[in-house]
Amino acid sequence: MKKKILIIEDYNNIVEILTMRLNAMGYEVISAKDGQEGLTLARKKKPDLIVLDVMLPKMNGYKISRLLKFDSRYKDIPIIMLTSRETKRDEQIGLETGADEYVYKSDRTGKLLKTIRHFLDSTPVSVG
């Protein structure tokens, strides 16, 4: 069974590129274009990992992360914040609200894909 990744991101080109790369790596990908839809999908689909933008319509990524990480049903889902907000303060807020990793969109080192692989190779597949 393929591991499921939820991408919550409002820029279509980022979603398309990530979806192609992650599908090629053998993952199932679902996506949401705004924060409210993302939170609903996370609760409904219970993905194995979430890639989460910070600046989103309807609800920001910090709030989504906090709502999921402080709920016992979803707290074990790894959350990787992928964002253009590159200050140390933004990163600190992301980690304080529950993100497991904070990755900059400008990072060209492949850190996002390596981080996803790290979490999913050590995370059991969700049932449901």
Protein backbone atom coordinates (compact mmCIF):
# COMPACT_ATOMS: atom_id res chain seq x y z
CA MET A 1 0.00 0.00 0.00
CA LYS A 2 1.37 3.40 -1.01
CA LYS A 3 2.01 5.96 1.69
CA LYS A 4 -0.23 9.01 1.37
CA ILE A 5 1.04 12.60 1.36
CA LEU A 6 -1.24 15.61 1.68
CA ILE A 7 0.07 18.82 0.10
CA ILE A 8 -1.65 21.97 1.38
CA GLU A 9 -0.46 24.69 -0.98
CA ASP A 10 -2.20 27.45 -2.94
CA TYR A 11 0.30 27.73 -5.84
CA ASN A 12 -0.68 25.26 -8.56
CA ASN A 13 2.81 25.00 -10.07
CA ILE A 14 4.32 23.91 -6.75
CA VAL A 15 1.54 21.35 -6.26
CA GLU A 16 2.03 19.97 -9.78
CA ILE A 17 5.81 19.68 -9.48
CA LEU A 18 5.66 18.06 -6.05
CA THR A 19 2.90 15.69 -7.14
CA MET A 20 4.93 14.50 -10.14
CA ARG A 21 8.10 14.03 -8.07
CA LEU A 22 6.32 12.26 -5.20
CA ASN A 23 4.29 10.01 -7.52
CA ALA A 24 7.56 9.03 -9.22
CA MET A 25 8.93 8.13 -5.78
CA GLY A 26 5.97 5.80 -5.23
CA TYR A 27 3.77 7.94 -2.97
CA GLU A 28 0.06 8.67 -3.31
CA VAL A 29 -0.53 12.43 -3.32
CA ILE A 30 -3.65 14.40 -2.44
CA SER A 31 -3.79 18.17 -2.32
CA ALA A 32 -5.75 21.13 -1.01
CA LYS A 33 -5.63 24.72 -2.24
CA ASP A 34 -6.56 26.51 1.01
CA GLY A 35 -6.20 26.03 4.72
CA GLN A 36 -9.77 25.04 5.50
CA GLU A 37 -9.86 22.41 2.74
CA GLY A 38 -6.47 21.15 3.91
CA LEU A 39 -7.59 20.74 7.51
CA THR A 40 -10.75 18.94 6.39
CA LEU A 41 -8.77 16.56 4.12
CA ALA A 42 -6.18 15.90 6.85
CA ARG A 43 -8.92 14.87 9.25
CA LYS A 44 -10.85 12.84 6.67
CA LYS A 45 -7.97 11.07 4.86
CA LYS A 46 -5.44 10.90 7.74
CA PRO A 47 -2.36 11.01 5.51
CA ASP A 48 1.03 9.57 6.44
CA LEU A 49 2.65 13.01 6.06
CA ILE A 50 1.60 16.61 5.36
CA VAL A 51 3.52 19.21 3.35
CA LEU A 52 2.08 22.51 4.56
CA ASP A 53 2.49 26.08 3.29
CA VAL A 54 2.29 28.86 5.89
CA MET A 55 0.55 31.60 3.93
CA LEU A 56 -2.75 30.15 2.73
CA PRO A 57 -6.23 31.47 2.02
CA LYS A 58 -8.93 30.86 4.68
CA MET A 59 -6.57 29.53 7.39
CA ASN A 60 -2.79 29.82 7.76
CA GLY A 61 -0.43 26.89 8.12
CA TYR A 62 0.48 27.69 11.72
CA LYS A 63 -3.14 27.30 12.78
CA ILE A 64 -3.58 24.06 10.82
CA SER A 65 -0.44 22.61 12.37
CA ARG A 66 -1.55 23.58 15.87
CA LEU A 67 -5.04 22.12 15.40
CA LEU A 68 -3.66 18.82 14.15
CA LYS A 69 -0.70 18.45 16.52
CA PHE A 70 -2.74 19.20 19.63
CA ASP A 71 -5.40 16.61 18.71
CA SER A 72 -4.52 13.08 19.83
CA ARG A 73 -6.04 11.59 16.65
CA TYR A 74 -3.63 13.44 14.34
CA LYS A 75 -0.63 14.37 16.49
CA ASP A 76 1.59 11.62 15.05
CA ILE A 77 1.26 12.76 11.43
CA PRO A 78 4.56 14.42 10.48
CA ILE A 79 4.13 17.99 9.22
CA ILE A 80 6.75 19.62 7.01
CA MET A 81 6.19 23.35 6.58
CA LEU A 82 7.28 24.40 3.09
CA THR A 83 7.31 28.17 2.94
CA SER A 84 8.81 31.34 1.55
CA ARG A 85 8.81 32.83 5.07
CA GLU A 86 12.52 32.47 5.73
CA THR A 87 13.18 34.30 8.99
CA LYS A 88 14.33 32.48 12.10
CA ARG A 89 11.29 33.87 13.94
CA ASP A 90 8.91 32.36 11.35
CA GLU A 91 10.72 29.04 11.63
CA GLN A 92 10.49 29.19 15.43
CA ILE A 93 6.74 29.83 15.25
CA GLY A 94 6.35 26.92 12.83
CA LEU A 95 8.15 24.53 15.14
CA GLU A 96 6.30 25.84 18.21
CA THR A 97 2.95 25.22 16.52
CA GLY A 98 3.89 21.61 15.87
CA ALA A 99 5.75 21.37 12.57
CA ASP A 100 8.30 18.56 12.56
CA GLU A 101 10.46 20.32 9.97
CA TYR A 102 10.58 23.78 8.39
CA VAL A 103 11.84 23.90 4.78
CA TYR A 104 12.30 27.00 2.65
CA LYS A 105 10.80 27.05 -0.85
CA SER A 106 14.05 28.60 -2.07
CA ASP A 107 16.07 25.58 -0.86
CA ARG A 108 17.41 23.85 -3.94
CA THR A 109 19.30 21.08 -2.12
CA GLY A 110 16.49 18.54 -2.23
CA LYS A 111 15.96 18.90 1.51
CA LEU A 112 12.18 18.53 1.16
CA LEU A 113 12.36 15.18 -0.64
CA LYS A 114 15.06 13.88 1.73
CA THR A 115 12.98 14.95 4.72
CA ILE A 116 9.86 13.27 3.34
CA ARG A 117 11.82 10.07 2.73
CA HIS A 118 13.23 10.24 6.28
CA PHE A 119 9.80 10.50 7.89
CA LEU A 120 8.02 7.98 5.70
CA ASP A 121 10.76 5.37 5.88
CA SER A 122 10.42 5.43 9.67
CA THR A 123 6.64 5.98 9.92
CA PRO A 124 4.16 3.09 9.80
CA VAL A 125 1.58 3.20 7.03
CA SER A 126 -1.74 4.58 8.26
CA VAL A 127 -4.81 2.42 8.16
CA GLY A 128 -8.06 4.02 7.21
